[in-house]
């Protein structure tokens, strides 16, 4: 048996979704588009789930991009550390080590947040 959402298959889906997300009352909205309040209620539930999944995916993509950027920063710090080490610049070496520690802590915090989200 096929259980397709009547709202998802409606020609005015985008307009209905916008109205639902604005919190418009279901009865008048259903009357306007020829849909039942219960169909709109069910649709709103999976619409919210879809939006939450999209937000989660966007958040993860942002975290991945941030981790990639931090990897580039780590490579730059490593190069700077090696140069300063060759020049016997202990002050710069120490700064690189301190920044590397901060960078590692930030990377770990981001990685842990991956595990903390559904």
Protein backbone atom coordinates (compact mmCIF):
# COMPACT_ATOMS: atom_id res chain seq x y z
CA UNK A 1 0.00 0.00 0.00
CA UNK A 2 1.38 3.41 -1.01
CA UNK A 3 1.25 6.02 1.77
CA UNK A 4 2.22 9.22 0.01
CA UNK A 5 1.65 12.49 1.79
CA UNK A 6 -1.17 14.34 0.05
CA UNK A 7 0.43 17.64 0.99
CA UNK A 8 3.83 16.65 -0.44
CA UNK A 9 2.13 15.85 -3.74
CA UNK A 10 0.07 19.07 -3.78
CA UNK A 11 0.70 21.58 -6.56
CA UNK A 12 1.02 24.41 -3.99
CA UNK A 13 3.47 22.59 -1.73
CA UNK A 14 5.91 25.51 -1.35
CA UNK A 15 3.12 27.92 -0.41
CA UNK A 16 1.63 25.40 2.05
CA UNK A 17 5.02 24.75 3.66
CA UNK A 18 5.61 28.46 4.09
CA UNK A 19 2.18 28.94 5.68
CA UNK A 20 2.73 26.00 8.02
CA UNK A 21 6.13 27.28 9.10
CA UNK A 22 4.58 30.69 9.76
CA UNK A 23 2.16 28.94 12.10
CA UNK A 24 -1.05 29.69 10.23
CA UNK A 25 -4.09 27.81 11.57
CA UNK A 26 -4.61 24.40 9.99
CA UNK A 27 -8.38 24.55 9.36
CA UNK A 28 -8.43 27.70 7.23
CA UNK A 29 -5.25 26.57 5.49
CA UNK A 30 -6.78 23.17 4.75
CA UNK A 31 -9.97 24.77 3.42
CA UNK A 32 -7.93 27.08 1.19
CA UNK A 33 -6.00 24.22 -0.42
CA UNK A 34 -8.59 21.42 -0.20
CA UNK A 35 -6.70 19.45 2.45
CA UNK A 36 -7.67 18.06 5.83
CA UNK A 37 -6.30 19.47 9.07
CA UNK A 38 -4.95 16.03 9.96
CA UNK A 39 -3.07 15.78 6.64
CA UNK A 40 -1.56 19.20 7.27
CA UNK A 41 -0.64 18.19 10.82
CA UNK A 42 1.09 15.01 9.64
CA UNK A 43 2.86 16.95 6.91
CA UNK A 44 4.04 19.58 9.38
CA UNK A 45 5.59 16.83 11.49
CA UNK A 46 7.68 15.40 8.69
CA UNK A 47 8.39 18.90 7.33
CA UNK A 48 9.98 19.77 10.67
CA UNK A 49 11.91 16.50 10.62
CA UNK A 50 13.17 17.24 7.11
CA UNK A 51 14.23 20.76 8.12
CA UNK A 52 16.01 19.41 11.19
CA UNK A 53 17.83 16.83 9.05
CA UNK A 54 18.83 19.55 6.57
CA UNK A 55 20.08 21.78 9.38
CA UNK A 56 22.04 18.86 10.84
CA UNK A 57 23.62 18.12 7.45
CA UNK A 58 24.54 21.80 6.94
CA UNK A 59 26.02 21.93 10.45
CA UNK A 60 28.14 18.86 9.78
CA UNK A 61 29.30 20.24 6.43
CA UNK A 62 30.32 23.44 8.18
CA UNK A 63 32.23 21.47 10.82
CA UNK A 64 34.04 19.44 8.15
CA UNK A 65 35.03 22.64 6.33
CA UNK A 66 36.24 24.13 9.60
CA UNK A 67 38.32 21.03 10.38
CA UNK A 68 39.86 21.21 6.91
CA UNK A 69 40.77 24.86 7.47
CA UNK A 70 42.27 23.99 10.85
CA UNK A 71 44.37 21.28 9.16
CA UNK A 72 45.76 23.96 6.83
CA UNK A 73 46.55 26.15 9.83
CA UNK A 74 48.29 23.20 11.49
CA UNK A 75 50.47 22.70 8.40
CA UNK A 76 51.37 26.41 8.40
CA UNK A 77 52.24 26.29 12.08
CA UNK A 78 54.43 23.26 11.50
CA UNK A 79 56.32 25.03 8.70
CA UNK A 80 56.73 28.14 10.84
CA UNK A 81 57.95 26.05 13.77
CA UNK A 82 60.57 24.31 11.59
CA UNK A 83 61.82 27.62 10.19
CA UNK A 84 62.03 29.20 13.62
CA UNK A 85 63.78 26.11 14.94
CA UNK A 86 66.37 26.35 12.15
CA UNK A 87 66.89 30.01 13.04
CA UNK A 88 67.12 29.17 16.77
CA UNK A 89 64.25 31.53 17.51
CA UNK A 90 63.01 30.02 20.72
CA UNK A 91 60.38 32.73 21.23
CA UNK A 92 58.68 31.88 17.91
CA UNK A 93 59.06 28.14 18.57
CA UNK A 94 57.28 28.54 21.88
CA UNK A 95 54.50 30.58 20.24
CA UNK A 96 54.04 27.88 17.61
CA UNK A 97 53.77 25.22 20.30
CA UNK A 98 51.21 27.27 22.23
CA UNK A 99 49.12 27.85 19.10
CA UNK A 100 49.38 24.17 18.17
CA UNK A 101 47.99 23.22 21.57
CA UNK A 102 45.04 25.63 21.09
CA UNK A 103 44.47 24.28 17.60
CA UNK A 104 44.44 20.67 18.79
CA UNK A 105 41.97 21.55 21.55
CA UNK A 106 39.67 23.24 19.05
CA UNK A 107 39.87 20.31 16.65
CA UNK A 108 39.02 17.89 19.43
CA UNK A 109 36.09 20.03 20.54
CA UNK A 110 34.69 20.00 17.00
CA UNK A 111 35.21 16.24 16.65
CA UNK A 112 33.46 15.61 19.95
CA UNK A 113 30.51 17.71 18.81
CA UNK A 114 30.09 15.30 15.87
CA UNK A 115 29.45 12.51 18.35
CA UNK A 116 27.10 14.64 20.44
CA UNK A 117 24.61 15.31 17.63
CA UNK A 118 21.99 12.83 16.42
